[in-house]
C-alpha atoms as a PDB file:
ATOM      1  CA  UNK A   1    -109.319 161.179 -59.957  1.00  0.00           C
ATOM      2  CA  UNK A   2    -110.141 162.551 -63.388  1.00  0.00           C
ATOM      3  CA  UNK A   3    -112.673 161.287 -65.859  1.00  0.00           C
ATOM      4  CA  UNK A   4    -111.101 159.928 -68.998  1.00  0.00           C
ATOM      5  CA  UNK A   5    -112.920 161.592 -71.830  1.00  0.00           C
ATOM      6  CA  UNK A   6    -113.655 160.121 -75.214  1.00  0.00           C
ATOM      7  CA  UNK A   7    -112.652 162.452 -78.031  1.00  0.00           C
ATOM      8  CA  UNK A   8    -115.556 163.564 -80.172  1.00  0.00           C
ATOM      9  CA  UNK A   9    -115.293 165.337 -83.455  1.00  0.00           C
ATOM     10  CA  UNK A  10    -116.667 168.832 -83.312  1.00  0.00           C
ATOM     11  CA  UNK A  11    -120.204 169.876 -83.822  1.00  0.00           C
ATOM     12  CA  UNK A  12    -121.763 171.006 -87.024  1.00  0.00           C
ATOM     13  CA  UNK A  13    -122.027 174.587 -85.849  1.00  0.00           C
ATOM     14  CA  UNK A  14    -125.804 174.145 -85.896  1.00  0.00           C
ATOM     15  CA  UNK A  15    -127.245 175.284 -82.572  1.00  0.00           C
ATOM     16  CA  UNK A  16    -128.712 172.353 -80.676  1.00  0.00           C
ATOM     17  CA  UNK A  17    -126.644 169.855 -82.627  1.00  0.00           C
ATOM     18  CA  UNK A  18    -123.369 168.310 -81.541  1.00  0.00           C
ATOM     19  CA  UNK A  19    -121.581 165.406 -83.154  1.00  0.00           C
ATOM     20  CA  UNK A  20    -124.689 164.471 -85.144  1.00  0.00           C
ATOM     21  CA  UNK A  21    -126.933 164.459 -82.060  1.00  0.00           C
ATOM     22  CA  UNK A  22    -129.901 166.815 -82.222  1.00  0.00           C
ATOM     23  CA  UNK A  23    -131.373 167.975 -78.944  1.00  0.00           C
ATOM     24  CA  UNK A  24    -134.396 170.046 -78.081  1.00  0.00           C
ATOM     25  CA  UNK A  25    -133.332 173.679 -77.610  1.00  0.00           C
ATOM     26  CA  UNK A  26    -133.937 173.478 -73.857  1.00  0.00           C
ATOM     27  CA  UNK A  27    -132.221 170.096 -73.429  1.00  0.00           C
ATOM     28  CA  UNK A  28    -129.243 170.288 -71.125  1.00  0.00           C
ATOM     29  CA  UNK A  29    -128.428 166.601 -70.972  1.00  0.00           C
ATOM     30  CA  UNK A  30    -129.144 163.674 -73.265  1.00  0.00           C
ATOM     31  CA  UNK A  31    -129.829 161.096 -70.560  1.00  0.00           C
ATOM     32  CA  UNK A  32    -129.911 158.278 -73.103  1.00  0.00           C
ATOM     33  CA  UNK A  33    -126.115 158.605 -73.164  1.00  0.00           C
ATOM     34  CA  UNK A  34    -125.917 157.976 -69.417  1.00  0.00           C
ATOM     35  CA  UNK A  35    -128.356 155.087 -69.817  1.00  0.00           C
ATOM     36  CA  UNK A  36    -126.119 153.571 -72.511  1.00  0.00           C
ATOM     37  CA  UNK A  37    -123.023 154.042 -70.349  1.00  0.00           C
ATOM     38  CA  UNK A  38    -124.835 152.170 -67.591  1.00  0.00           C
ATOM     39  CA  UNK A  39    -125.101 149.157 -69.881  1.00  0.00           C
ATOM     40  CA  UNK A  40    -121.391 149.013 -70.794  1.00  0.00           C
ATOM     41  CA  UNK A  41    -120.798 146.111 -68.446  1.00  0.00           C
ATOM     42  CA  UNK A  42    -123.629 144.015 -69.896  1.00  0.00           C
ATOM     43  CA  UNK A  43    -126.226 144.940 -67.290  1.00  0.00           C
ATOM     44  CA  UNK A  44    -127.655 148.211 -66.049  1.00  0.00           C
ATOM     45  CA  UNK A  45    -125.299 149.504 -63.391  1.00  0.00           C
ATOM     46  CA  UNK A  46    -126.635 152.653 -61.707  1.00  0.00           C
ATOM     47  CA  UNK A  47    -123.663 152.756 -59.333  1.00  0.00           C
ATOM     48  CA  UNK A  48    -121.260 152.870 -62.285  1.00  0.00           C
ATOM     49  CA  UNK A  49    -123.213 155.789 -63.797  1.00  0.00           C
ATOM     50  CA  UNK A  50    -123.210 157.569 -60.431  1.00  0.00           C
ATOM     51  CA  UNK A  51    -119.413 157.203 -60.259  1.00  0.00           C
ATOM     52  CA  UNK A  52    -119.082 158.560 -63.818  1.00  0.00           C
ATOM     53  CA  UNK A  53    -121.237 161.549 -62.895  1.00  0.00           C
ATOM     54  CA  UNK A  54    -119.169 162.231 -59.769  1.00  0.00           C
ATOM     55  CA  UNK A  55    -115.919 162.025 -61.760  1.00  0.00           C
ATOM     56  CA  UNK A  56    -117.345 164.308 -64.439  1.00  0.00           C
ATOM     57  CA  UNK A  57    -118.422 166.911 -61.881  1.00  0.00           C
ATOM     58  CA  UNK A  58    -114.993 166.852 -60.243  1.00  0.00           C
ATOM     59  CA  UNK A  59    -113.140 167.066 -63.558  1.00  0.00           C
ATOM     60  CA  UNK A  60    -115.381 169.798 -64.942  1.00  0.00           C
ATOM     61  CA  UNK A  61    -114.795 172.008 -61.906  1.00  0.00           C
ATOM     62  CA  UNK A  62    -111.024 171.746 -62.361  1.00  0.00           C
ATOM     63  CA  UNK A  63    -111.381 172.587 -66.057  1.00  0.00           C
ATOM     64  CA  UNK A  64    -113.605 175.588 -65.277  1.00  0.00           C
ATOM     65  CA  UNK A  65    -110.932 176.896 -62.916  1.00  0.00           C
ATOM     66  CA  UNK A  66    -108.364 176.472 -65.702  1.00  0.00           C
ATOM     67  CA  UNK A  67    -110.604 178.399 -68.098  1.00  0.00           C
ATOM     68  CA  UNK A  68    -110.981 181.240 -65.601  1.00  0.00           C
ATOM     69  CA  UNK A  69    -107.235 181.275 -64.962  1.00  0.00           C
ATOM     70  CA  UNK A  70    -106.673 181.390 -68.718  1.00  0.00           C
ATOM     71  CA  UNK A  71    -108.790 184.546 -68.899  1.00  0.00           C
ATOM     72  CA  UNK A  72    -107.030 186.195 -65.945  1.00  0.00           C
ATOM     73  CA  UNK A  73    -103.561 185.429 -67.321  1.00  0.00           C
ATOM     74  CA  UNK A  74    -104.402 185.951 -71.038  1.00  0.00           C
ATOM     75  CA  UNK A  75    -103.286 182.356 -71.573  1.00  0.00           C
ATOM     76  CA  UNK A  76    -104.743 181.312 -74.929  1.00  0.00           C
ATOM     77  CA  UNK A  77    -103.147 177.875 -74.678  1.00  0.00           C
ATOM     78  CA  UNK A  78    -104.863 177.238 -71.327  1.00  0.00           C
ATOM     79  CA  UNK A  79    -108.192 178.385 -72.796  1.00  0.00           C
ATOM     80  CA  UNK A  80    -107.725 176.083 -75.766  1.00  0.00           C
ATOM     81  CA  UNK A  81    -106.703 172.990 -73.798  1.00  0.00           C
ATOM     82  CA  UNK A  82    -109.285 173.393 -71.032  1.00  0.00           C
ATOM     83  CA  UNK A  83    -112.115 174.056 -73.501  1.00  0.00           C
ATOM     84  CA  UNK A  84    -111.064 171.011 -75.544  1.00  0.00           C
ATOM     85  CA  UNK A  85    -111.001 168.751 -72.479  1.00  0.00           C
ATOM     86  CA  UNK A  86    -114.309 170.052 -71.133  1.00  0.00           C
ATOM     87  CA  UNK A  87    -115.874 169.661 -74.577  1.00  0.00           C
ATOM     88  CA  UNK A  88    -114.838 166.018 -74.771  1.00  0.00           C
ATOM     89  CA  UNK A  89    -115.894 165.163 -71.212  1.00  0.00           C
ATOM     90  CA  UNK A  90    -119.237 166.903 -71.651  1.00  0.00           C
ATOM     91  CA  UNK A  91    -119.989 165.163 -74.932  1.00  0.00           C
ATOM     92  CA  UNK A  92    -119.063 161.819 -73.374  1.00  0.00           C
ATOM     93  CA  UNK A  93    -121.827 162.137 -70.762  1.00  0.00           C
ATOM     94  CA  UNK A  94    -124.410 163.657 -73.118  1.00  0.00           C
ATOM     95  CA  UNK A  95    -124.044 167.350 -72.217  1.00  0.00           C
ATOM     96  CA  UNK A  96    -124.004 168.355 -75.880  1.00  0.00           C
ATOM     97  CA  UNK A  97    -125.019 171.971 -75.377  1.00  0.00           C
ATOM     98  CA  UNK A  98    -122.097 172.556 -73.014  1.00  0.00           C
ATOM     99  CA  UNK A  99    -119.824 170.683 -75.416  1.00  0.00           C
ATOM    100  CA  UNK A 100    -120.930 173.030 -78.179  1.00  0.00           C
ATOM    101  CA  UNK A 101    -120.092 176.128 -76.087  1.00  0.00           C
ATOM    102  CA  UNK A 102    -116.650 174.653 -75.428  1.00  0.00           C
ATOM    103  CA  UNK A 103    -116.221 173.722 -79.108  1.00  0.00           C
ATOM    104  CA  UNK A 104    -116.696 177.344 -80.106  1.00  0.00           C
ATOM    105  CA  UNK A 105    -114.025 178.566 -77.678  1.00  0.00           C
ATOM    106  CA  UNK A 106    -111.695 175.731 -78.644  1.00  0.00           C
ATOM    107  CA  UNK A 107    -112.076 176.516 -82.351  1.00  0.00           C
ATOM    108  CA  UNK A 108    -111.433 180.210 -81.794  1.00  0.00           C
ATOM    109  CA  UNK A 109    -108.291 179.594 -79.743  1.00  0.00           C
ATOM    110  CA  UNK A 110    -106.968 176.676 -81.830  1.00  0.00           C
ATOM    111  CA  UNK A 111    -104.552 178.849 -83.821  1.00  0.00           C
ATOM    112  CA  UNK A 112    -103.657 181.101 -80.917  1.00  0.00           C
ATOM    113  CA  UNK A 113    -106.322 183.669 -81.731  1.00  0.00           C
ATOM    114  CA  UNK A 114    -107.627 185.722 -78.844  1.00  0.00           C
ATOM    115  CA  UNK A 115    -111.433 185.638 -78.802  1.00  0.00           C
ATOM    116  CA  UNK A 116    -113.338 188.885 -78.336  1.00  0.00           C
ATOM    117  CA  UNK A 117    -114.256 189.208 -74.660  1.00  0.00           C
ATOM    118  CA  UNK A 118    -112.881 185.835 -73.483  1.00  0.00           C
ATOM    119  CA  UNK A 119    -114.356 186.384 -70.003  1.00  0.00           C
ATOM    120  CA  UNK A 120    -117.871 186.408 -71.471  1.00  0.00           C
ATOM    121  CA  UNK A 121    -117.149 183.161 -73.346  1.00  0.00           C
ATOM    122  CA  UNK A 122    -116.000 181.501 -70.134  1.00  0.00           C
ATOM    123  CA  UNK A 123    -118.979 182.930 -68.242  1.00  0.00           C
ATOM    124  CA  UNK A 124    -121.341 181.409 -70.838  1.00  0.00           C
ATOM    125  CA  UNK A 125    -119.604 178.064 -70.397  1.00  0.00           C
ATOM    126  CA  UNK A 126    -119.891 178.389 -66.600  1.00  0.00           C
ATOM    127  CA  UNK A 127    -123.609 179.164 -66.793  1.00  0.00           C
ATOM    128  CA  UNK A 128    -124.229 176.176 -69.058  1.00  0.00           C
ATOM    129  CA  UNK A 129    -122.126 173.996 -66.757  1.00  0.00           C
ATOM    130  CA  UNK A 130    -124.340 174.954 -63.809  1.00  0.00           C
ATOM    131  CA  UNK A 131    -127.368 173.796 -65.817  1.00  0.00           C
ATOM    132  CA  UNK A 132    -125.623 170.480 -66.573  1.00  0.00           C
ATOM    133  CA  UNK A 133    -124.567 170.126 -62.946  1.00  0.00           C
ATOM    134  CA  UNK A 134    -128.189 170.600 -61.803  1.00  0.00           C
ATOM    135  CA  UNK A 135    -129.402 167.997 -64.316  1.00  0.00           C
ATOM    136  CA  UNK A 136    -126.763 165.510 -63.189  1.00  0.00           C
ATOM    137  CA  UNK A 137    -127.562 166.045 -59.517  1.00  0.00           C
ATOM    138  CA  UNK A 138    -131.248 165.528 -60.303  1.00  0.00           C
ATOM    139  CA  UNK A 139    -130.303 162.304 -62.100  1.00  0.00           C
ATOM    140  CA  UNK A 140    -128.347 161.122 -59.059  1.00  0.00           C
ATOM    141  CA  UNK A 141    -131.277 161.966 -56.790  1.00  0.00           C
ATOM    142  CA  UNK A 142    -133.714 160.001 -58.971  1.00  0.00           C
ATOM    143  CA  UNK A 143    -131.328 157.050 -59.029  1.00  0.00           C
ATOM    144  CA  UNK A 144    -130.966 157.047 -55.239  1.00  0.00           C
ATOM    145  CA  UNK A 145    -134.741 157.159 -54.786  1.00  0.00           C
ATOM    146  CA  UNK A 146    -135.278 154.218 -57.151  1.00  0.00           C
ATOM    147  CA  UNK A 147    -132.446 152.152 -55.715  1.00  0.00           C
ATOM    148  CA  UNK A 148    -131.709 153.247 -52.151  1.00  0.00           C
ATOM    149  CA  UNK A 149    -128.409 152.143 -50.723  1.00  0.00           C
ATOM    150  CA  UNK A 150    -128.728 149.290 -48.281  1.00  0.00           C
ATOM    151  CA  UNK A 151    -126.754 149.470 -45.079  1.00  0.00           C
ATOM    152  CA  UNK A 152    -125.263 146.322 -43.753  1.00  0.00           C
ATOM    153  CA  UNK A 153    -125.049 145.716 -40.048  1.00  0.00           C
ATOM    154  CA  UNK A 154    -121.497 145.377 -38.922  1.00  0.00           C
ATOM    155  CA  UNK A 155    -120.697 142.880 -36.187  1.00  0.00           C
END
């Protein structure tokens, strides 16, 4: 199952700023976005957020593979589409720094232009993704500690 991503307009080009959101330079994830998503159903729903995180992680991995395949096959269209999708998904969950990396690649490939050293662009995106992944896993761990799953006895 893939995460449906909300389209965000691009960033301002200002490092640390995406879609009007300013983050600290070291911020990987704006967790207030995940908090807000947890309230979409009128009450805080940690399980819903955990499902969103799991879907994001699954979707992002597929998109990273597509980016790497785009580099291997010199497929500018694949680079453009995968970077656009990963940008939108990342912005949706508050990973604005990763979204900004993807925005830069998307912008460069929009008109079919080949970026200089596309493998290094994709590697930068992969490195930032790993930082986001670690932050999301830490978020899941904190959520599980605060609200441990209860096991029901089956008859």
